[in-house]
Amino acid sequence: MNYCADPFSYQRRVSREVRVGNVGIGGDNPIRVQSMITCDTMDTEASIAQTMELAEAGCEIVRITAPTVKDAANLQHIVRGLRERGCDVPIVADIHFKPQAAMEAPVSIVSQVIIDCTRIGLSPPMPTLPTRTSRETRRW
């Protein structure tokens, strides 16, 4: 069974354009490069540095997670710091656990807000702790 007519040639679906800040997605636009920072959103300077590194590497849209209301509120400091340094890459707030965080990250601060509906209301995952066997537990 063939999943595509030609594995060396692709055909894009017809779609309408959506704007994320100054970047167009879909329509006749090229495929866009986006990524997500990995540092703590409350660490403003690290968030700015990682975002600028991604933009310098060619990333056109940067997603920043905002798992709490405090993280979402800090996005304004991150975006302000980026603009002061001349970085105009669109920032997307990625909301996972608290719907209230979406209200702290309005489009006046970030270019877009993504709400992961499958994770709203769930607690952030707890770190996995190494398990001990009964033999190891007895030695303590």
N, C-alpha and C. Protein backbone atom coordinates (compact mmCIF):
# COMPACT_ATOMS: atom_id res chain seq x y z
N MET A 1 0.84 -1.18 0.00
CA MET A 1 0.00 0.00 0.00
C MET A 1 0.89 1.25 0.00
N ASN A 2 0.66 2.15 -0.91
CA ASN A 2 1.43 3.40 -0.99
C ASN A 2 0.72 4.51 -0.21
N TYR A 3 1.49 5.21 0.61
CA TYR A 3 0.92 6.30 1.38
C TYR A 3 1.00 7.63 0.64
N CYS A 4 1.85 7.70 -0.36
CA CYS A 4 1.92 8.90 -1.18
C CYS A 4 2.29 8.50 -2.60
N ALA A 5 1.90 9.34 -3.53
CA ALA A 5 2.13 9.01 -4.93
C ALA A 5 3.62 9.00 -5.25
N ASP A 6 4.37 9.96 -4.70
CA ASP A 6 5.79 10.05 -4.99
C ASP A 6 6.52 10.49 -3.72
N PRO A 7 7.36 9.65 -3.12
CA PRO A 7 8.03 10.02 -1.88
C PRO A 7 9.05 11.14 -2.04
N PHE A 8 9.39 11.51 -3.27
CA PHE A 8 10.38 12.55 -3.50
C PHE A 8 9.75 13.88 -3.91
N SER A 9 8.46 13.91 -3.97
CA SER A 9 7.76 15.14 -4.35
C SER A 9 6.53 15.28 -3.45
N TYR A 10 6.39 16.43 -2.85
CA TYR A 10 5.24 16.62 -1.97
C TYR A 10 4.31 17.69 -2.55
N GLN A 11 3.10 17.66 -2.08
CA GLN A 11 2.11 18.63 -2.51
C GLN A 11 1.42 19.15 -1.26
N ARG A 12 1.46 20.45 -1.08
CA ARG A 12 0.85 21.05 0.11
C ARG A 12 -0.65 21.17 -0.05
N ARG A 13 -1.33 21.02 1.08
CA ARG A 13 -2.78 21.24 1.08
C ARG A 13 -3.04 22.74 0.91
N VAL A 14 -4.15 23.06 0.34
CA VAL A 14 -4.56 24.45 0.24
C VAL A 14 -4.99 24.90 1.63
N SER A 15 -4.46 26.02 2.08
CA SER A 15 -4.80 26.54 3.41
C SER A 15 -4.85 28.05 3.35
N ARG A 16 -5.43 28.64 4.38
CA ARG A 16 -5.46 30.10 4.44
C ARG A 16 -4.32 30.57 5.33
N GLU A 17 -3.91 31.79 5.13
CA GLU A 17 -2.80 32.35 5.89
C GLU A 17 -3.24 32.77 7.29
N VAL A 18 -2.40 32.48 8.26
CA VAL A 18 -2.58 32.92 9.63
C VAL A 18 -1.32 33.68 10.00
N ARG A 19 -1.47 34.82 10.65
CA ARG A 19 -0.31 35.62 11.04
C ARG A 19 0.03 35.39 12.50
N VAL A 20 1.31 35.18 12.77
CA VAL A 20 1.83 35.12 14.13
C VAL A 20 2.84 36.25 14.20
N GLY A 21 2.41 37.36 14.79
CA GLY A 21 3.25 38.56 14.77
C GLY A 21 3.42 39.00 13.33
N ASN A 22 4.67 39.12 12.90
CA ASN A 22 4.96 39.57 11.53
C ASN A 22 5.25 38.40 10.59
N VAL A 23 4.96 37.18 11.02
CA VAL A 23 5.26 35.98 10.23
C VAL A 23 3.95 35.34 9.77
N GLY A 24 3.86 35.09 8.47
CA GLY A 24 2.70 34.41 7.92
C GLY A 24 2.91 32.91 7.87
N ILE A 25 1.88 32.17 8.26
CA ILE A 25 1.92 30.70 8.23
C ILE A 25 0.78 30.24 7.33
N GLY A 26 1.04 29.21 6.54
CA GLY A 26 0.01 28.68 5.66
C GLY A 26 -0.11 29.52 4.39
N GLY A 27 -1.15 29.30 3.65
CA GLY A 27 -1.33 30.02 2.39
C GLY A 27 -0.17 29.74 1.45
N ASP A 28 0.38 30.79 0.88
CA ASP A 28 1.51 30.66 -0.04
C ASP A 28 2.85 30.86 0.65
N ASN A 29 2.85 30.97 1.98
CA ASN A 29 4.09 31.19 2.72
C ASN A 29 4.94 29.92 2.73
N PRO A 30 6.26 30.09 2.88
CA PRO A 30 7.12 28.91 3.00
C PRO A 30 6.89 28.22 4.35
N ILE A 31 7.38 27.01 4.48
CA ILE A 31 7.32 26.29 5.75
C ILE A 31 8.16 27.06 6.75
N ARG A 32 7.63 27.30 7.93
CA ARG A 32 8.30 28.12 8.94
C ARG A 32 9.05 27.27 9.96
N VAL A 33 10.13 27.84 10.48
CA VAL A 33 10.93 27.18 11.51
C VAL A 33 10.51 27.75 12.86
N GLN A 34 10.12 26.87 13.77
CA GLN A 34 9.78 27.31 15.12
C GLN A 34 10.42 26.37 16.12
N SER A 35 10.64 26.89 17.32
CA SER A 35 11.21 26.06 18.37
C SER A 35 10.72 26.60 19.71
N MET A 36 11.16 25.92 20.77
CA MET A 36 10.73 26.27 22.11
C MET A 36 11.96 26.35 23.00
N ILE A 37 12.00 27.34 23.89
CA ILE A 37 13.12 27.43 24.81
C ILE A 37 12.97 26.36 25.88
N THR A 38 14.09 26.03 26.54
CA THR A 38 14.06 24.95 27.52
C THR A 38 14.35 25.42 28.94
N CYS A 39 14.65 26.69 29.13
CA CYS A 39 14.96 27.17 30.48
C CYS A 39 13.69 27.52 31.25
N ASP A 40 13.85 27.81 32.52
CA ASP A 40 12.75 28.21 33.38
C ASP A 40 12.24 29.58 32.93
N THR A 41 10.95 29.70 32.70
CA THR A 41 10.37 30.95 32.22
C THR A 41 10.55 32.08 33.23
N MET A 42 10.70 31.76 34.50
CA MET A 42 10.92 32.79 35.51
C MET A 42 12.35 33.34 35.48
N ASP A 43 13.26 32.69 34.78
CA ASP A 43 14.62 33.19 34.61
C ASP A 43 14.63 34.07 33.36
N THR A 44 14.35 35.34 33.57
CA THR A 44 14.17 36.27 32.45
C THR A 44 15.40 36.34 31.55
N GLU A 45 16.57 36.53 32.12
CA GLU A 45 17.78 36.68 31.31
C GLU A 45 18.10 35.41 30.51
N ALA A 46 17.93 34.25 31.12
CA ALA A 46 18.17 32.99 30.39
C ALA A 46 17.16 32.83 29.26
N SER A 47 15.91 33.20 29.52
CA SER A 47 14.86 33.10 28.49
C SER A 47 15.19 34.03 27.32
N ILE A 48 15.65 35.24 27.62
CA ILE A 48 16.03 36.18 26.56
C ILE A 48 17.21 35.63 25.77
N ALA A 49 18.21 35.13 26.48
CA ALA A 49 19.41 34.61 25.81
C ALA A 49 19.07 33.43 24.89
N GLN A 50 18.28 32.48 25.39
CA GLN A 50 17.92 31.32 24.56
C GLN A 50 17.09 31.74 23.36
N THR A 51 16.17 32.68 23.55
CA THR A 51 15.34 33.14 22.44
C THR A 51 16.19 33.81 21.37
N MET A 52 17.15 34.63 21.81
CA MET A 52 18.02 35.31 20.84
C MET A 52 18.91 34.31 20.10
N GLU A 53 19.37 33.27 20.80
CA GLU A 53 20.17 32.23 20.14
C GLU A 53 19.34 31.52 19.06
N LEU A 54 18.09 31.21 19.40
CA LEU A 54 17.22 30.55 18.42
C LEU A 54 16.99 31.46 17.21
N ALA A 55 16.73 32.74 17.45
CA ALA A 55 16.48 33.68 16.35
C ALA A 55 17.73 33.81 15.47
N GLU A 56 18.90 33.88 16.10
CA GLU A 56 20.14 33.99 15.33
C GLU A 56 20.40 32.73 14.51
N ALA A 57 19.92 31.58 14.98
CA ALA A 57 20.10 30.31 14.26
C ALA A 57 19.08 30.15 13.13
N GLY A 58 18.13 31.09 13.00
CA GLY A 58 17.16 31.02 11.91
C GLY A 58 15.74 30.68 12.33
N CYS A 59 15.50 30.56 13.61
CA CYS A 59 14.15 30.27 14.10
C CYS A 59 13.26 31.49 13.86
N GLU A 60 12.08 31.27 13.29
CA GLU A 60 11.20 32.38 12.92
C GLU A 60 10.09 32.63 13.94
N ILE A 61 9.79 31.64 14.78
CA ILE A 61 8.77 31.76 15.83
C ILE A 61 9.31 31.02 17.04
N VAL A 62 9.21 31.64 18.23
CA VAL A 62 9.70 31.01 19.45
C VAL A 62 8.54 30.84 20.41
N ARG A 63 8.38 29.60 20.90
CA ARG A 63 7.35 29.29 21.90
C ARG A 63 7.99 29.28 23.28
N ILE A 64 7.29 29.89 24.24
CA ILE A 64 7.75 29.91 25.62
C ILE A 64 6.62 29.38 26.49
N THR A 65 6.92 28.35 27.28
CA THR A 65 5.89 27.76 28.12
C THR A 65 5.57 28.66 29.30
N ALA A 66 4.31 28.67 29.68
CA ALA A 66 3.85 29.44 30.83
C ALA A 66 2.95 28.53 31.66
N PRO A 67 3.55 27.65 32.47
CA PRO A 67 2.74 26.68 33.22
C PRO A 67 1.97 27.28 34.38
N THR A 68 2.37 28.46 34.85
CA THR A 68 1.67 29.10 35.97
C THR A 68 1.35 30.54 35.62
N VAL A 69 0.52 31.16 36.44
CA VAL A 69 0.16 32.56 36.24
C VAL A 69 1.40 33.44 36.38
N LYS A 70 2.29 33.12 37.32
CA LYS A 70 3.52 33.90 37.50
C LYS A 70 4.41 33.82 36.27
N ASP A 71 4.51 32.63 35.69
CA ASP A 71 5.31 32.48 34.47
C ASP A 71 4.73 33.33 33.35
N ALA A 72 3.41 33.28 33.20
CA ALA A 72 2.75 34.06 32.15
C ALA A 72 2.96 35.55 32.35
N ALA A 73 2.90 36.01 33.61
CA ALA A 73 3.11 37.42 33.90
C ALA A 73 4.54 37.84 33.56
N ASN A 74 5.49 36.93 33.71
CA ASN A 74 6.89 37.25 33.43
C ASN A 74 7.16 37.37 31.93
N LEU A 75 6.26 36.90 31.09
CA LEU A 75 6.45 37.01 29.65
C LEU A 75 6.61 38.46 29.20
N GLN A 76 5.94 39.39 29.90
CA GLN A 76 6.07 40.79 29.49
C GLN A 76 7.50 41.28 29.67
N HIS A 77 8.20 40.81 30.71
CA HIS A 77 9.59 41.21 30.92
C HIS A 77 10.51 40.58 29.88
N ILE A 78 10.20 39.33 29.52
CA ILE A 78 11.00 38.64 28.49
C ILE A 78 10.84 39.35 27.15
N VAL A 79 9.60 39.63 26.76
CA VAL A 79 9.35 40.28 25.47
C VAL A 79 9.95 41.68 25.46
N ARG A 80 9.80 42.42 26.54
CA ARG A 80 10.39 43.76 26.60
C ARG A 80 11.91 43.68 26.44
N GLY A 81 12.55 42.74 27.13
CA GLY A 81 14.00 42.59 27.01
C GLY A 81 14.44 42.22 25.60
N LEU A 82 13.66 41.38 24.94
CA LEU A 82 13.97 41.02 23.55
C LEU A 82 13.87 42.22 22.63
N ARG A 83 12.79 42.99 22.77
CA ARG A 83 12.60 44.15 21.89
C ARG A 83 13.67 45.21 22.14
N GLU A 84 14.07 45.38 23.40
CA GLU A 84 15.13 46.34 23.72
C GLU A 84 16.46 45.94 23.09
N ARG A 85 16.67 44.65 22.89
CA ARG A 85 17.90 44.15 22.29
C ARG A 85 17.78 44.01 20.77
N GLY A 86 16.66 44.45 20.21
CA GLY A 86 16.48 44.45 18.77
C GLY A 86 16.01 43.12 18.18
N CYS A 87 15.54 42.21 19.00
CA CYS A 87 15.05 40.91 18.53
C CYS A 87 13.53 41.00 18.36
N ASP A 88 13.05 40.86 17.12
CA ASP A 88 11.62 41.00 16.87
C ASP A 88 10.93 39.69 16.50
N VAL A 89 11.55 38.55 16.86
CA VAL A 89 10.94 37.26 16.57
C VAL A 89 9.61 37.16 17.33
N PRO A 90 8.56 36.65 16.69
CA PRO A 90 7.28 36.50 17.39
C PRO A 90 7.38 35.49 18.54
N ILE A 91 6.79 35.84 19.68
CA ILE A 91 6.78 34.98 20.86
C ILE A 91 5.38 34.41 21.02
N VAL A 92 5.31 33.09 21.21
CA VAL A 92 4.04 32.40 21.42
C VAL A 92 4.03 31.86 22.84
N ALA A 93 3.00 32.22 23.62
CA ALA A 93 2.84 31.70 24.98
C ALA A 93 2.19 30.33 24.90
N ASP A 94 2.83 29.35 25.49
CA ASP A 94 2.34 27.98 25.48
C ASP A 94 1.76 27.67 26.86
N ILE A 95 0.42 27.63 26.96
CA ILE A 95 -0.27 27.45 28.24
C ILE A 95 -0.64 25.97 28.39
N HIS A 96 -0.27 25.37 29.53
CA HIS A 96 -0.51 23.94 29.72
C HIS A 96 -1.47 23.62 30.86
N PHE A 97 -1.24 24.15 32.04
CA PHE A 97 -1.93 23.63 33.22
C PHE A 97 -2.97 24.59 33.81
N LYS A 98 -2.75 25.87 33.71
CA LYS A 98 -3.63 26.84 34.35
C LYS A 98 -4.29 27.75 33.30
N PRO A 99 -5.60 27.64 33.11
CA PRO A 99 -6.25 28.52 32.13
C PRO A 99 -6.12 29.99 32.50
N GLN A 100 -5.96 30.28 33.79
CA GLN A 100 -5.80 31.67 34.23
C GLN A 100 -4.52 32.27 33.65
N ALA A 101 -3.53 31.45 33.35
CA ALA A 101 -2.28 31.94 32.78
C ALA A 101 -2.52 32.57 31.41
N ALA A 102 -3.51 32.09 30.69
CA ALA A 102 -3.81 32.66 29.37
C ALA A 102 -4.26 34.12 29.50
N MET A 103 -4.88 34.47 30.61
CA MET A 103 -5.33 35.85 30.81
C MET A 103 -4.15 36.78 31.14
N GLU A 104 -3.05 36.20 31.62
CA GLU A 104 -1.86 36.99 31.95
C GLU A 104 -0.97 37.20 30.73
N ALA A 105 -1.22 36.49 29.66
CA ALA A 105 -0.37 36.57 28.47
C ALA A 105 -1.19 37.06 27.28
N PRO A 106 -1.76 38.26 27.36
CA PRO A 106 -2.59 38.73 26.25
C PRO A 106 -1.76 38.98 25.00
N VAL A 107 -2.44 39.03 23.88
CA VAL A 107 -1.77 39.22 22.60
C VAL A 107 -1.10 40.59 22.52
N SER A 108 -1.41 41.49 23.43
CA SER A 108 -0.69 42.77 23.46
C SER A 108 0.74 42.57 23.94
N ILE A 109 1.01 41.45 24.62
CA ILE A 109 2.36 41.15 25.09
C ILE A 109 3.03 40.15 24.16
N VAL A 110 2.36 39.04 23.86
CA VAL A 110 2.91 38.00 22.98
C VAL A 110 2.16 38.01 21.66
N SER A 111 2.73 37.36 20.65
CA SER A 111 2.11 37.34 19.33
C SER A 111 0.92 36.39 19.25
N GLN A 112 0.95 35.34 20.06
CA GLN A 112 -0.12 34.35 20.03
C GLN A 112 -0.11 33.56 21.32
N VAL A 113 -1.25 33.03 21.70
CA VAL A 113 -1.37 32.18 22.87
C VAL A 113 -1.88 30.82 22.41
N ILE A 114 -1.15 29.77 22.77
CA ILE A 114 -1.58 28.40 22.48
C ILE A 114 -2.01 27.78 23.79
N ILE A 115 -3.20 27.22 23.84
CA ILE A 115 -3.69 26.55 25.04
C ILE A 115 -3.79 25.06 24.75
N ASP A 116 -3.03 24.28 25.49
CA ASP A 116 -3.06 22.82 25.34
C ASP A 116 -4.23 22.30 26.17
N CYS A 117 -5.36 22.14 25.53
CA CYS A 117 -6.60 21.74 26.22
C CYS A 117 -6.50 20.37 26.89
N THR A 118 -5.63 19.52 26.40
CA THR A 118 -5.51 18.19 26.99
C THR A 118 -4.84 18.21 28.35
N ARG A 119 -4.18 19.33 28.69
CA ARG A 119 -3.45 19.39 29.95
C ARG A 119 -4.00 20.41 30.92
N ILE A 120 -5.02 21.17 30.52
CA ILE A 120 -5.61 22.16 31.41
C ILE A 120 -6.23 21.45 32.60
N GLY A 121 -5.95 21.95 33.78
CA GLY A 121 -6.50 21.39 35.00
C GLY A 121 -5.67 20.28 35.60
N LEU A 122 -4.69 19.78 34.85
CA LEU A 122 -3.81 18.75 35.39
C LEU A 122 -2.68 19.42 36.15
N SER A 123 -2.11 18.72 37.07
CA SER A 123 -0.95 19.24 37.78
C SER A 123 0.27 19.06 36.90
N PRO A 124 1.26 19.95 37.04
CA PRO A 124 2.50 19.70 36.31
C PRO A 124 3.08 18.36 36.74
N PRO A 125 3.74 17.67 35.84
CA PRO A 125 4.26 16.35 36.18
C PRO A 125 5.29 16.44 37.30
N MET A 126 5.20 15.49 38.21
CA MET A 126 6.16 15.43 39.30
C MET A 126 7.44 14.77 38.79
N PRO A 127 8.59 15.20 39.31
CA PRO A 127 9.83 14.54 38.87
C PRO A 127 9.81 13.07 39.28
N THR A 128 10.36 12.24 38.43
CA THR A 128 10.41 10.82 38.73
C THR A 128 11.59 10.55 39.65
N LEU A 129 11.32 9.91 40.76
CA LEU A 129 12.37 9.58 41.72
C LEU A 129 12.82 8.16 41.49
N PRO A 130 14.12 7.90 41.67
CA PRO A 130 14.56 6.52 41.51
C PRO A 130 13.93 5.63 42.56
N THR A 131 13.55 4.44 42.16
CA THR A 131 12.93 3.52 43.10
C THR A 131 13.99 2.64 43.75
N ARG A 132 13.71 2.19 44.94
CA ARG A 132 14.64 1.32 45.65
C ARG A 132 14.03 -0.07 45.76
N THR A 133 14.88 -1.05 45.68
CA THR A 133 14.40 -2.41 45.89
C THR A 133 14.28 -2.63 47.39
N SER A 134 13.58 -3.67 47.79
CA SER A 134 13.42 -3.94 49.22
C SER A 134 14.77 -4.20 49.88
N ARG A 135 15.71 -4.78 49.17
CA ARG A 135 17.04 -5.04 49.73
C ARG A 135 17.75 -3.71 50.02
N GLU A 136 17.68 -2.74 49.09
CA GLU A 136 18.32 -1.44 49.30
C GLU A 136 17.65 -0.69 50.44
N THR A 137 16.35 -0.80 50.57
CA THR A 137 15.62 -0.11 51.63
C THR A 137 16.05 -0.62 53.00
N ARG A 138 16.29 -1.91 53.13
CA ARG A 138 16.69 -2.48 54.42
C ARG A 138 18.05 -1.97 54.87
N ARG A 139 18.93 -1.65 53.93
CA ARG A 139 20.26 -1.20 54.30
C ARG A 139 20.24 0.20 54.90
N TRP A 140 19.20 0.94 54.70
CA TRP A 140 19.13 2.30 55.23
C TRP A 140 18.83 2.21 56.66
